[in-house]
Amino acid sequence: MGSKPDDDYDYLFKVVLIGDTGVGKSNLLSRFTRNEFCLESKSTIGVEFATRSIQVDNKTIKAQIWDTAGQERYRAITSAYYRGAVGALLVYDITKHESYVHVERWLKELRDHADSNIVIMLVGNKSDLRHLRTVNTEEASAFCEKESLSFIETSALESTNVELAFQQILTEIYNIVSKRAIDSGQDVAVQPTPGKIIEVKPVTTEEKKKSCC
């Protein structure tokens, strides 16, 4: 028998979802990977992940997206959760200002445990509840500019910008990996060993000097 279509990919990228509990991380995951939304979804216990493949530059990118609970009692899994991640969606609820306030803490944790070159996108979820908004778009956008993050507002319920958010972060990761491969003289089309997570290596000081100006 031939390999399943799901196993036929050029790159496998691990992306993690982080943020407070109840901000809609699990529904963003289910909307993107299965086009499903559960109004009565319970808090995630521990960790779960789902996969979906997309096309970028005629290459098949398989995203392995990890979702964990935002509660403090699960913080012990941090190191294993972030290991090998090349992208992160940092999610807050636009109607819960406290979840936005905690973004700074989540960002610090991410930068403490993940690869220094990880691609991070801030996601303001539940844009369908704009009439209950407590976090304005300009404030979040200014924070992202200061911290060099990309930013988007989504609604897992209405399926607004969910596809775009994942497409953008996966494309950005792919562009980094492709550029590294070209710069080092590798063939970008070389397929990784099935199951291997592509890691985006941090730029060394020497590399930064070479690429400067």
N, C-alpha and C. Protein backbone atom coordinates (compact mmCIF):
# COMPACT_ATOMS: atom_id res chain seq x y z
N MET A 1 0.83 -1.20 0.00
CA MET A 1 0.00 0.00 0.00
C MET A 1 0.87 1.26 0.00
N GLY A 2 0.42 2.29 -0.69
CA GLY A 2 1.17 3.54 -0.72
C GLY A 2 0.97 4.29 0.58
N SER A 3 1.78 5.32 0.78
CA SER A 3 1.65 6.09 2.01
C SER A 3 0.39 6.95 1.96
N LYS A 4 -0.17 7.20 3.12
CA LYS A 4 -1.38 8.01 3.20
C LYS A 4 -1.06 9.44 2.77
N PRO A 5 -2.04 10.15 2.21
CA PRO A 5 -1.82 11.53 1.81
C PRO A 5 -1.31 12.39 2.96
N ASP A 6 -1.79 12.08 4.18
CA ASP A 6 -1.41 12.87 5.34
C ASP A 6 0.08 12.75 5.65
N ASP A 7 0.71 11.65 5.18
CA ASP A 7 2.13 11.43 5.45
C ASP A 7 3.01 12.01 4.35
N ASP A 8 2.40 12.53 3.30
CA ASP A 8 3.13 13.05 2.17
C ASP A 8 3.33 14.55 2.33
N TYR A 9 4.48 14.94 2.87
CA TYR A 9 4.73 16.36 3.11
C TYR A 9 6.20 16.66 2.94
N ASP A 10 6.51 17.94 2.73
CA ASP A 10 7.90 18.37 2.57
C ASP A 10 8.50 18.85 3.88
N TYR A 11 7.67 19.50 4.69
CA TYR A 11 8.14 20.03 5.97
C TYR A 11 7.10 19.77 7.06
N LEU A 12 7.60 19.50 8.26
CA LEU A 12 6.73 19.33 9.42
C LEU A 12 7.11 20.40 10.45
N PHE A 13 6.17 21.28 10.77
CA PHE A 13 6.43 22.36 11.72
C PHE A 13 5.56 22.19 12.96
N LYS A 14 6.19 22.29 14.10
CA LYS A 14 5.45 22.25 15.36
C LYS A 14 5.10 23.67 15.79
N VAL A 15 3.81 23.92 15.99
CA VAL A 15 3.32 25.24 16.42
C VAL A 15 2.55 25.05 17.73
N VAL A 16 2.82 25.89 18.71
CA VAL A 16 2.13 25.77 20.00
C VAL A 16 1.13 26.90 20.20
N LEU A 17 0.05 26.58 20.90
CA LEU A 17 -0.96 27.57 21.28
C LEU A 17 -0.79 27.85 22.77
N ILE A 18 -0.63 29.12 23.13
CA ILE A 18 -0.49 29.46 24.55
C ILE A 18 -1.40 30.64 24.89
N GLY A 19 -1.64 30.82 26.17
CA GLY A 19 -2.53 31.89 26.64
C GLY A 19 -3.38 31.37 27.78
N ASP A 20 -4.09 32.28 28.42
CA ASP A 20 -4.93 31.91 29.56
C ASP A 20 -6.01 30.89 29.18
N THR A 21 -6.52 30.21 30.19
CA THR A 21 -7.62 29.28 29.96
C THR A 21 -8.87 30.06 29.55
N GLY A 22 -9.66 29.48 28.67
CA GLY A 22 -10.94 30.09 28.28
C GLY A 22 -10.86 31.13 27.17
N VAL A 23 -9.66 31.32 26.59
CA VAL A 23 -9.55 32.34 25.53
C VAL A 23 -9.92 31.79 24.15
N GLY A 24 -10.09 30.47 24.07
CA GLY A 24 -10.52 29.88 22.80
C GLY A 24 -9.45 29.16 22.01
N LYS A 25 -8.37 28.76 22.68
CA LYS A 25 -7.27 28.07 21.98
C LYS A 25 -7.74 26.77 21.33
N SER A 26 -8.50 25.97 22.09
CA SER A 26 -8.95 24.67 21.56
C SER A 26 -9.88 24.84 20.36
N ASN A 27 -10.71 25.86 20.40
CA ASN A 27 -11.61 26.09 19.27
C ASN A 27 -10.88 26.64 18.05
N LEU A 28 -9.81 27.39 18.26
CA LEU A 28 -8.98 27.82 17.13
C LEU A 28 -8.34 26.60 16.48
N LEU A 29 -7.88 25.67 17.32
CA LEU A 29 -7.27 24.43 16.82
C LEU A 29 -8.29 23.60 16.04
N SER A 30 -9.47 23.38 16.62
CA SER A 30 -10.47 22.54 15.96
C SER A 30 -11.05 23.21 14.71
N ARG A 31 -11.14 24.55 14.73
CA ARG A 31 -11.64 25.26 13.55
C ARG A 31 -10.65 25.12 12.39
N PHE A 32 -9.37 25.26 12.68
CA PHE A 32 -8.37 25.18 11.62
C PHE A 32 -8.16 23.75 11.11
N THR A 33 -8.11 22.78 12.02
CA THR A 33 -7.78 21.41 11.60
C THR A 33 -8.99 20.59 11.18
N ARG A 34 -10.18 20.89 11.74
CA ARG A 34 -11.36 20.07 11.41
C ARG A 34 -12.57 20.91 10.98
N ASN A 35 -12.40 22.23 10.96
CA ASN A 35 -13.49 23.16 10.68
C ASN A 35 -14.69 22.91 11.59
N GLU A 36 -14.38 22.72 12.87
CA GLU A 36 -15.42 22.49 13.89
C GLU A 36 -15.33 23.54 14.99
N PHE A 37 -16.46 23.80 15.61
CA PHE A 37 -16.50 24.71 16.75
C PHE A 37 -17.47 24.14 17.78
N CYS A 38 -17.02 24.06 19.03
CA CYS A 38 -17.88 23.53 20.08
C CYS A 38 -18.16 24.64 21.10
N LEU A 39 -19.42 25.04 21.17
CA LEU A 39 -19.81 26.14 22.06
C LEU A 39 -19.61 25.78 23.53
N GLU A 40 -19.68 24.48 23.83
CA GLU A 40 -19.56 24.07 25.23
C GLU A 40 -18.28 23.30 25.48
N SER A 41 -17.20 23.69 24.78
CA SER A 41 -15.94 22.96 24.96
C SER A 41 -15.41 23.16 26.37
N LYS A 42 -14.92 22.07 26.95
CA LYS A 42 -14.38 22.12 28.31
C LYS A 42 -12.91 22.51 28.25
N SER A 43 -12.36 22.92 29.39
CA SER A 43 -10.94 23.26 29.44
C SER A 43 -10.11 22.04 29.07
N THR A 44 -9.04 22.31 28.31
CA THR A 44 -8.15 21.23 27.92
C THR A 44 -7.42 20.70 29.16
N ILE A 45 -7.36 19.38 29.26
CA ILE A 45 -6.62 18.78 30.38
C ILE A 45 -5.29 18.28 29.82
N GLY A 46 -4.19 18.84 30.35
CA GLY A 46 -2.89 18.44 29.85
C GLY A 46 -2.62 18.99 28.46
N VAL A 47 -2.30 18.09 27.50
CA VAL A 47 -1.91 18.52 26.16
C VAL A 47 -2.64 17.71 25.11
N GLU A 48 -3.02 18.36 24.02
CA GLU A 48 -3.53 17.61 22.87
C GLU A 48 -2.97 18.29 21.62
N PHE A 49 -2.87 17.53 20.51
CA PHE A 49 -2.44 18.19 19.29
C PHE A 49 -3.17 17.61 18.10
N ALA A 50 -3.23 18.41 17.05
CA ALA A 50 -3.88 17.99 15.81
C ALA A 50 -2.99 18.46 14.66
N THR A 51 -3.20 17.87 13.49
CA THR A 51 -2.37 18.25 12.34
C THR A 51 -3.22 18.67 11.15
N ARG A 52 -2.61 19.47 10.30
CA ARG A 52 -3.23 19.81 9.02
C ARG A 52 -2.13 20.26 8.07
N SER A 53 -2.27 19.92 6.81
CA SER A 53 -1.28 20.30 5.81
C SER A 53 -1.80 21.44 4.93
N ILE A 54 -0.90 22.35 4.57
CA ILE A 54 -1.24 23.44 3.66
C ILE A 54 -0.16 23.51 2.58
N GLN A 55 -0.45 24.22 1.51
CA GLN A 55 0.51 24.40 0.43
C GLN A 55 1.14 25.79 0.50
N VAL A 56 2.47 25.84 0.43
CA VAL A 56 3.19 27.11 0.34
C VAL A 56 4.30 26.92 -0.69
N ASP A 57 4.31 27.76 -1.71
CA ASP A 57 5.34 27.65 -2.77
C ASP A 57 5.39 26.25 -3.38
N ASN A 58 4.25 25.64 -3.62
CA ASN A 58 4.18 24.28 -4.16
C ASN A 58 4.82 23.23 -3.26
N LYS A 59 5.02 23.57 -2.01
CA LYS A 59 5.53 22.62 -1.02
C LYS A 59 4.39 22.30 -0.05
N THR A 60 4.37 21.07 0.44
CA THR A 60 3.36 20.68 1.42
C THR A 60 3.93 20.87 2.82
N ILE A 61 3.31 21.77 3.57
CA ILE A 61 3.72 22.04 4.94
C ILE A 61 2.72 21.37 5.87
N LYS A 62 3.21 20.45 6.67
CA LYS A 62 2.33 19.80 7.65
C LYS A 62 2.53 20.49 9.01
N ALA A 63 1.45 21.04 9.52
CA ALA A 63 1.51 21.72 10.81
C ALA A 63 1.06 20.75 11.91
N GLN A 64 1.90 20.62 12.92
CA GLN A 64 1.55 19.83 14.11
C GLN A 64 1.29 20.86 15.21
N ILE A 65 0.00 21.09 15.50
CA ILE A 65 -0.38 22.18 16.40
C ILE A 65 -0.72 21.64 17.79
N TRP A 66 -0.01 22.13 18.78
CA TRP A 66 -0.17 21.66 20.15
C TRP A 66 -0.99 22.66 20.97
N ASP A 67 -1.88 22.12 21.75
CA ASP A 67 -2.77 22.95 22.58
C ASP A 67 -2.69 22.45 24.02
N THR A 68 -2.51 23.35 24.95
CA THR A 68 -2.48 22.96 26.36
C THR A 68 -3.35 23.89 27.19
N ALA A 69 -3.67 23.46 28.37
CA ALA A 69 -4.48 24.29 29.27
C ALA A 69 -3.67 25.48 29.74
N GLY A 70 -4.35 26.60 30.01
CA GLY A 70 -3.67 27.80 30.48
C GLY A 70 -3.57 27.87 31.99
N GLN A 71 -4.17 26.87 32.68
CA GLN A 71 -4.16 26.93 34.14
C GLN A 71 -2.75 26.75 34.70
N GLU A 72 -2.51 27.41 35.83
CA GLU A 72 -1.20 27.35 36.47
C GLU A 72 -0.77 25.93 36.79
N ARG A 73 -1.72 25.07 37.14
CA ARG A 73 -1.34 23.73 37.62
C ARG A 73 -0.72 22.87 36.52
N TYR A 74 -0.81 23.32 35.26
CA TYR A 74 -0.20 22.54 34.18
C TYR A 74 1.13 23.12 33.73
N ARG A 75 1.63 24.10 34.45
CA ARG A 75 2.84 24.78 34.00
C ARG A 75 4.08 23.87 34.05
N ALA A 76 4.00 22.75 34.76
CA ALA A 76 5.15 21.85 34.89
C ALA A 76 5.53 21.22 33.54
N ILE A 77 4.60 21.20 32.59
CA ILE A 77 4.90 20.56 31.31
C ILE A 77 5.62 21.51 30.34
N THR A 78 5.91 22.70 30.81
CA THR A 78 6.45 23.74 29.94
C THR A 78 7.56 23.32 28.99
N SER A 79 8.66 22.79 29.52
CA SER A 79 9.83 22.50 28.71
C SER A 79 9.53 21.55 27.56
N ALA A 80 8.85 20.44 27.86
CA ALA A 80 8.53 19.46 26.83
C ALA A 80 7.57 20.04 25.80
N TYR A 81 6.66 20.88 26.28
CA TYR A 81 5.65 21.48 25.40
C TYR A 81 6.30 22.38 24.35
N TYR A 82 7.27 23.17 24.76
CA TYR A 82 7.91 24.12 23.85
C TYR A 82 9.01 23.49 22.99
N ARG A 83 9.52 22.33 23.40
CA ARG A 83 10.67 21.75 22.71
C ARG A 83 10.35 21.48 21.23
N GLY A 84 11.20 22.00 20.36
CA GLY A 84 11.02 21.75 18.93
C GLY A 84 10.02 22.67 18.24
N ALA A 85 9.36 23.55 19.02
CA ALA A 85 8.36 24.45 18.41
C ALA A 85 9.05 25.54 17.61
N VAL A 86 8.55 25.77 16.39
CA VAL A 86 9.11 26.82 15.55
C VAL A 86 8.14 27.99 15.39
N GLY A 87 6.92 27.82 15.93
CA GLY A 87 5.93 28.88 15.87
C GLY A 87 5.03 28.84 17.09
N ALA A 88 4.47 29.99 17.45
CA ALA A 88 3.56 30.06 18.60
C ALA A 88 2.47 31.08 18.33
N LEU A 89 1.24 30.69 18.65
CA LEU A 89 0.12 31.62 18.63
C LEU A 89 -0.18 31.95 20.09
N LEU A 90 0.02 33.21 20.46
CA LEU A 90 -0.22 33.66 21.82
C LEU A 90 -1.60 34.30 21.83
N VAL A 91 -2.57 33.62 22.48
CA VAL A 91 -3.97 33.99 22.35
C VAL A 91 -4.52 34.68 23.61
N TYR A 92 -5.29 35.74 23.38
CA TYR A 92 -6.04 36.37 24.47
C TYR A 92 -7.47 36.58 23.99
N ASP A 93 -8.36 36.87 24.93
CA ASP A 93 -9.77 37.11 24.64
C ASP A 93 -10.01 38.62 24.64
N ILE A 94 -10.51 39.17 23.52
CA ILE A 94 -10.67 40.63 23.43
C ILE A 94 -11.69 41.17 24.44
N THR A 95 -12.50 40.27 25.04
CA THR A 95 -13.50 40.72 26.03
C THR A 95 -13.01 40.56 27.47
N LYS A 96 -11.82 39.95 27.64
CA LYS A 96 -11.27 39.76 29.00
C LYS A 96 -9.92 40.44 29.09
N HIS A 97 -9.92 41.64 29.65
CA HIS A 97 -8.69 42.43 29.69
C HIS A 97 -7.57 41.71 30.45
N GLU A 98 -7.96 40.94 31.46
CA GLU A 98 -6.96 40.21 32.26
C GLU A 98 -6.16 39.24 31.38
N SER A 99 -6.83 38.60 30.43
CA SER A 99 -6.13 37.65 29.55
C SER A 99 -5.11 38.37 28.66
N TYR A 100 -5.39 39.65 28.37
CA TYR A 100 -4.44 40.46 27.60
C TYR A 100 -3.28 40.90 28.49
N VAL A 101 -3.57 41.27 29.72
CA VAL A 101 -2.53 41.67 30.68
C VAL A 101 -1.52 40.53 30.86
N HIS A 102 -2.02 39.29 30.87
CA HIS A 102 -1.15 38.12 31.08
C HIS A 102 -0.30 37.77 29.86
N VAL A 103 -0.58 38.41 28.72
CA VAL A 103 0.18 38.14 27.50
C VAL A 103 1.68 38.35 27.74
N GLU A 104 2.02 39.41 28.48
CA GLU A 104 3.43 39.71 28.74
C GLU A 104 4.11 38.56 29.48
N ARG A 105 3.40 37.98 30.45
CA ARG A 105 3.96 36.85 31.21
C ARG A 105 4.13 35.62 30.32
N TRP A 106 3.11 35.36 29.47
CA TRP A 106 3.21 34.23 28.55
C TRP A 106 4.37 34.41 27.56
N LEU A 107 4.55 35.63 27.11
CA LEU A 107 5.62 35.92 26.17
C LEU A 107 6.98 35.69 26.80
N LYS A 108 7.12 36.10 28.06
CA LYS A 108 8.39 35.87 28.77
C LYS A 108 8.66 34.37 28.91
N GLU A 109 7.62 33.62 29.30
CA GLU A 109 7.77 32.17 29.45
C GLU A 109 8.17 31.53 28.13
N LEU A 110 7.54 31.97 27.07
CA LEU A 110 7.83 31.44 25.74
C LEU A 110 9.28 31.70 25.37
N ARG A 111 9.71 32.93 25.59
CA ARG A 111 11.09 33.28 25.23
C ARG A 111 12.12 32.61 26.14
N ASP A 112 11.71 32.28 27.37
CA ASP A 112 12.62 31.58 28.29
C ASP A 112 12.80 30.12 27.91
N HIS A 113 11.74 29.50 27.34
CA HIS A 113 11.78 28.06 27.10
C HIS A 113 11.90 27.63 25.64
N ALA A 114 11.49 28.49 24.73
CA ALA A 114 11.49 28.09 23.32
C ALA A 114 12.76 28.56 22.62
N ASP A 115 12.95 28.10 21.39
CA ASP A 115 14.06 28.53 20.56
C ASP A 115 13.99 30.05 20.40
N SER A 116 15.14 30.70 20.45
CA SER A 116 15.16 32.17 20.39
C SER A 116 14.65 32.72 19.06
N ASN A 117 14.60 31.88 18.03
CA ASN A 117 14.17 32.34 16.72
C ASN A 117 12.72 31.94 16.39
N ILE A 118 11.97 31.54 17.41
CA ILE A 118 10.59 31.08 17.19
C ILE A 118 9.74 32.24 16.64
N VAL A 119 8.84 31.92 15.71
CA VAL A 119 7.95 32.92 15.12
C VAL A 119 6.71 33.04 16.00
N ILE A 120 6.41 34.25 16.45
CA ILE A 120 5.30 34.45 17.40
C ILE A 120 4.24 35.38 16.81
N MET A 121 2.99 34.97 16.93
CA MET A 121 1.87 35.81 16.51
C MET A 121 0.93 36.01 17.69
N LEU A 122 0.57 37.26 17.96
CA LEU A 122 -0.41 37.56 19.00
C LEU A 122 -1.80 37.50 18.36
N VAL A 123 -2.70 36.77 19.00
CA VAL A 123 -4.05 36.57 18.45
C VAL A 123 -5.10 37.07 19.45
N GLY A 124 -5.86 38.08 19.03
CA GLY A 124 -6.98 38.55 19.84
C GLY A 124 -8.22 37.80 19.38
N ASN A 125 -8.65 36.81 20.15
CA ASN A 125 -9.76 35.94 19.74
C ASN A 125 -11.11 36.47 20.23
N LYS A 126 -12.17 35.91 19.66
CA LYS A 126 -13.57 36.25 19.98
C LYS A 126 -13.98 37.62 19.44
N SER A 127 -13.51 37.93 18.22
CA SER A 127 -13.87 39.22 17.62
C SER A 127 -15.36 39.32 17.31
N ASP A 128 -16.08 38.19 17.36
CA ASP A 128 -17.54 38.23 17.17
C ASP A 128 -18.22 38.93 18.35
N LEU A 129 -17.50 39.04 19.48
CA LEU A 129 -18.06 39.71 20.68
C LEU A 129 -17.53 41.14 20.78
N ARG A 130 -17.38 41.80 19.63
CA ARG A 130 -16.79 43.15 19.60
C ARG A 130 -17.55 44.16 20.47
N HIS A 131 -18.86 43.90 20.66
CA HIS A 131 -19.66 44.82 21.50
C HIS A 131 -19.29 44.70 22.98
N LEU A 132 -18.54 43.63 23.34
CA LEU A 132 -18.10 43.44 24.73
C LEU A 132 -16.59 43.68 24.87
N ARG A 133 -15.98 44.23 23.82
CA ARG A 133 -14.53 44.41 23.78
C ARG A 133 -14.01 45.22 24.97
N THR A 134 -12.90 44.74 25.57
CA THR A 134 -12.22 45.49 26.64
C THR A 134 -10.76 45.76 26.27
N VAL A 135 -10.32 45.18 25.15
CA VAL A 135 -8.94 45.40 24.67
C VAL A 135 -9.04 46.01 23.28
N ASN A 136 -8.59 47.25 23.12
CA ASN A 136 -8.70 47.84 21.79
C ASN A 136 -7.56 47.40 20.88
N THR A 137 -7.88 47.35 19.61
CA THR A 137 -6.95 46.83 18.60
C THR A 137 -5.66 47.64 18.55
N GLU A 138 -5.76 48.95 18.69
CA GLU A 138 -4.58 49.82 18.61
C GLU A 138 -3.57 49.51 19.72
N GLU A 139 -4.09 49.24 20.92
CA GLU A 139 -3.21 48.94 22.05
C GLU A 139 -2.43 47.64 21.80
N ALA A 140 -3.15 46.62 21.35
CA ALA A 140 -2.51 45.33 21.08
C ALA A 140 -1.52 45.44 19.93
N SER A 141 -1.89 46.21 18.92
CA SER A 141 -1.03 46.40 17.75
C SER A 141 0.26 47.11 18.12
N ALA A 142 0.16 48.12 19.00
CA ALA A 142 1.34 48.86 19.46
C ALA A 142 2.26 47.94 20.27
N PHE A 143 1.67 47.08 21.10
CA PHE A 143 2.46 46.12 21.89
C PHE A 143 3.24 45.19 20.96
N CYS A 144 2.59 44.73 19.90
CA CYS A 144 3.23 43.81 18.95
C CYS A 144 4.38 44.49 18.21
N GLU A 145 4.18 45.76 17.91
CA GLU A 145 5.24 46.51 17.23
C GLU A 145 6.46 46.62 18.13
N LYS A 146 6.21 46.89 19.41
CA LYS A 146 7.30 47.01 20.39
C LYS A 146 8.04 45.69 20.59
N GLU A 147 7.29 44.57 20.56
CA GLU A 147 7.87 43.26 20.84
C GLU A 147 8.23 42.47 19.57
N SER A 148 8.06 43.11 18.40
CA SER A 148 8.34 42.46 17.11
C SER A 148 7.52 41.18 16.90
N LEU A 149 6.23 41.27 17.16
CA LEU A 149 5.32 40.14 16.94
C LEU A 149 4.36 40.50 15.81
N SER A 150 3.84 39.49 15.13
CA SER A 150 2.75 39.77 14.19
C SER A 150 1.44 39.73 14.98
N PHE A 151 0.39 40.29 14.43
CA PHE A 151 -0.86 40.44 15.18
C PHE A 151 -2.08 40.23 14.28
N ILE A 152 -3.09 39.58 14.84
CA ILE A 152 -4.34 39.39 14.11
C ILE A 152 -5.48 39.20 15.11
N GLU A 153 -6.68 39.59 14.72
CA GLU A 153 -7.86 39.31 15.55
C GLU A 153 -8.69 38.26 14.83
N THR A 154 -9.20 37.30 15.60
CA THR A 154 -9.92 36.16 15.02
C THR A 154 -11.24 35.91 15.74
N SER A 155 -12.06 35.10 15.09
CA SER A 155 -13.25 34.56 15.74
C SER A 155 -13.35 33.09 15.34
N ALA A 156 -13.08 32.21 16.30
CA ALA A 156 -13.21 30.77 16.02
C ALA A 156 -14.68 30.43 15.75
N LEU A 157 -15.58 31.15 16.43
CA LEU A 157 -17.02 30.91 16.26
C LEU A 157 -17.47 31.21 14.83
N GLU A 158 -17.10 32.38 14.33
CA GLU A 158 -17.51 32.78 12.98
C GLU A 158 -16.50 32.38 11.91
N SER A 159 -15.40 31.75 12.33
CA SER A 159 -14.33 31.33 11.43
C SER A 159 -13.66 32.52 10.73
N THR A 160 -13.59 33.64 11.43
CA THR A 160 -12.97 34.84 10.87
C THR A 160 -11.47 34.88 11.14
N ASN A 161 -10.68 34.95 10.07
CA ASN A 161 -9.21 35.08 10.14
C ASN A 161 -8.48 33.89 10.76
N VAL A 162 -9.18 32.81 11.07
CA VAL A 162 -8.51 31.64 11.68
C VAL A 162 -7.56 31.02 10.64
N GLU A 163 -8.10 30.78 9.46
CA GLU A 163 -7.29 30.22 8.36
C GLU A 163 -6.10 31.15 8.07
N LEU A 164 -6.39 32.44 8.00
CA LEU A 164 -5.35 33.42 7.69
C LEU A 164 -4.24 33.43 8.74
N ALA A 165 -4.61 33.35 10.01
CA ALA A 165 -3.62 33.36 11.10
C ALA A 165 -2.63 32.20 10.95
N PHE A 166 -3.15 31.00 10.76
CA PHE A 166 -2.28 29.83 10.63
C PHE A 166 -1.48 29.86 9.33
N GLN A 167 -2.13 30.30 8.24
CA GLN A 167 -1.43 30.40 6.95
C GLN A 167 -0.25 31.37 7.07
N GLN A 168 -0.48 32.50 7.72
CA GLN A 168 0.57 33.52 7.83
C GLN A 168 1.76 33.02 8.65
N ILE A 169 1.48 32.40 9.79
CA ILE A 169 2.59 31.97 10.65
C ILE A 169 3.37 30.82 10.01
N LEU A 170 2.66 29.90 9.34
CA LEU A 170 3.34 28.78 8.69
C LEU A 170 4.15 29.25 7.49
N THR A 171 3.62 30.24 6.76
CA THR A 171 4.36 30.79 5.62
C THR A 171 5.62 31.50 6.10
N GLU A 172 5.51 32.23 7.19
CA GLU A 172 6.68 32.94 7.74
C GLU A 172 7.75 31.95 8.18
N ILE A 173 7.34 30.86 8.83
CA ILE A 173 8.30 29.83 9.26
C ILE A 173 8.97 29.21 8.03
N TYR A 174 8.15 28.89 7.03
CA TYR A 174 8.68 28.28 5.80
C TYR A 174 9.70 29.21 5.14
N ASN A 175 9.39 30.51 5.09
CA ASN A 175 10.31 31.47 4.46
C ASN A 175 11.65 31.53 5.18
N ILE A 176 11.61 31.44 6.52
CA ILE A 176 12.86 31.44 7.31
C ILE A 176 13.67 30.18 7.00
N VAL A 177 13.00 29.02 7.01
CA VAL A 177 13.68 27.76 6.74
C VAL A 177 14.26 27.74 5.33
N SER A 178 13.48 28.23 4.36
CA SER A 178 13.93 28.25 2.96
C SER A 178 15.15 29.15 2.79
N LYS A 179 15.10 30.31 3.42
CA LYS A 179 16.23 31.25 3.31
C LYS A 179 17.48 30.65 3.92
N ARG A 180 17.32 29.99 5.08
CA ARG A 180 18.47 29.35 5.71
C ARG A 180 19.06 28.28 4.80
N ALA A 181 18.18 27.50 4.16
CA ALA A 181 18.64 26.43 3.28
C ALA A 181 19.40 26.99 2.08
N ILE A 182 18.87 28.07 1.51
CA ILE A 182 19.52 28.70 0.36
C ILE A 182 20.86 29.30 0.78
N ASP A 183 20.88 30.01 1.90
CA ASP A 183 22.11 30.64 2.39
C ASP A 183 23.21 29.62 2.68
N SER A 184 22.79 28.42 3.13
CA SER A 184 23.79 27.40 3.47
C SER A 184 24.08 26.46 2.30
N GLY A 185 23.43 26.74 1.15
CA GLY A 185 23.69 25.94 -0.04
C GLY A 185 22.95 24.62 -0.09
N GLN A 186 21.97 24.43 0.79
CA GLN A 186 21.20 23.18 0.78
C GLN A 186 20.08 23.27 -0.24
N ASP A 187 19.63 22.10 -0.67
CA ASP A 187 18.48 22.05 -1.57
C ASP A 187 17.21 22.21 -0.75
N VAL A 188 16.45 23.28 -1.03
CA VAL A 188 15.24 23.55 -0.25
C VAL A 188 14.23 22.42 -0.41
N ALA A 189 14.30 21.72 -1.55
CA ALA A 189 13.30 20.68 -1.82
C ALA A 189 13.58 19.37 -1.10
N VAL A 190 14.76 19.27 -0.45
CA VAL A 190 15.08 18.03 0.26
C VAL A 190 14.04 17.77 1.34
N GLN A 191 13.50 16.56 1.34
CA GLN A 191 12.46 16.24 2.31
C GLN A 191 13.09 15.79 3.62
N PRO A 192 12.53 16.24 4.74
CA PRO A 192 13.03 15.75 6.03
C PRO A 192 12.57 14.32 6.25
N THR A 193 13.23 13.65 7.17
CA THR A 193 12.78 12.31 7.54
C THR A 193 11.37 12.41 8.09
N PRO A 194 10.43 11.55 7.63
CA PRO A 194 9.06 11.62 8.13
C PRO A 194 9.04 11.62 9.66
N GLY A 195 8.27 12.55 10.21
CA GLY A 195 8.16 12.61 11.67
C GLY A 195 9.14 13.56 12.31
N LYS A 196 10.13 14.00 11.50
CA LYS A 196 11.12 14.91 12.08
C LYS A 196 10.58 16.33 12.12
N ILE A 197 10.75 16.99 13.26
CA ILE A 197 10.33 18.39 13.37
C ILE A 197 11.47 19.27 12.85
N ILE A 198 11.14 20.16 11.92
CA ILE A 198 12.15 21.10 11.43
C ILE A 198 12.37 22.16 12.51
N GLU A 199 13.63 22.36 12.89
CA GLU A 199 13.90 23.38 13.90
C GLU A 199 14.52 24.60 13.24
N VAL A 200 14.04 25.77 13.62
CA VAL A 200 14.62 27.02 13.12
C VAL A 200 15.72 27.42 14.08
N LYS A 201 16.96 27.33 13.62
CA LYS A 201 18.09 27.62 14.50
C LYS A 201 18.28 29.11 14.72
N PRO A 202 18.71 29.49 15.92
CA PRO A 202 18.94 30.92 16.17
C PRO A 202 20.10 31.44 15.32
N VAL A 203 20.05 32.72 14.98
CA VAL A 203 21.11 33.31 14.18
C VAL A 203 22.30 33.62 15.07
N THR A 204 23.49 33.23 14.62
CA THR A 204 24.69 33.53 15.41
C THR A 204 25.11 34.96 15.14
N THR A 205 25.98 35.47 16.00
CA THR A 205 26.47 36.85 15.83
C THR A 205 27.18 36.99 14.50
N GLU A 206 27.93 35.93 14.11
CA GLU A 206 28.67 35.95 12.86
C GLU A 206 27.72 36.03 11.67
N GLU A 207 26.62 35.24 11.73
CA GLU A 207 25.63 35.25 10.65
C GLU A 207 24.98 36.62 10.53
N LYS A 208 24.70 37.23 11.69
CA LYS A 208 24.05 38.55 11.69
C LYS A 208 24.95 39.56 10.99
N LYS A 209 26.30 39.46 11.26
CA LYS A 209 27.24 40.40 10.63
C LYS A 209 27.23 40.22 9.12
N LYS A 210 27.20 38.94 8.68
CA LYS A 210 27.24 38.65 7.24
C LYS A 210 26.00 39.20 6.54
N SER A 211 24.83 39.05 7.18
CA SER A 211 23.59 39.44 6.53
C SER A 211 23.32 40.95 6.67
N CYS A 212 24.11 41.61 7.47
CA CYS A 212 23.87 43.04 7.69
C CYS A 212 24.25 43.87 6.46
N CYS A 213 23.43 44.85 6.13
CA CYS A 213 23.68 45.82 5.08
C CYS A 213 23.98 45.17 3.74
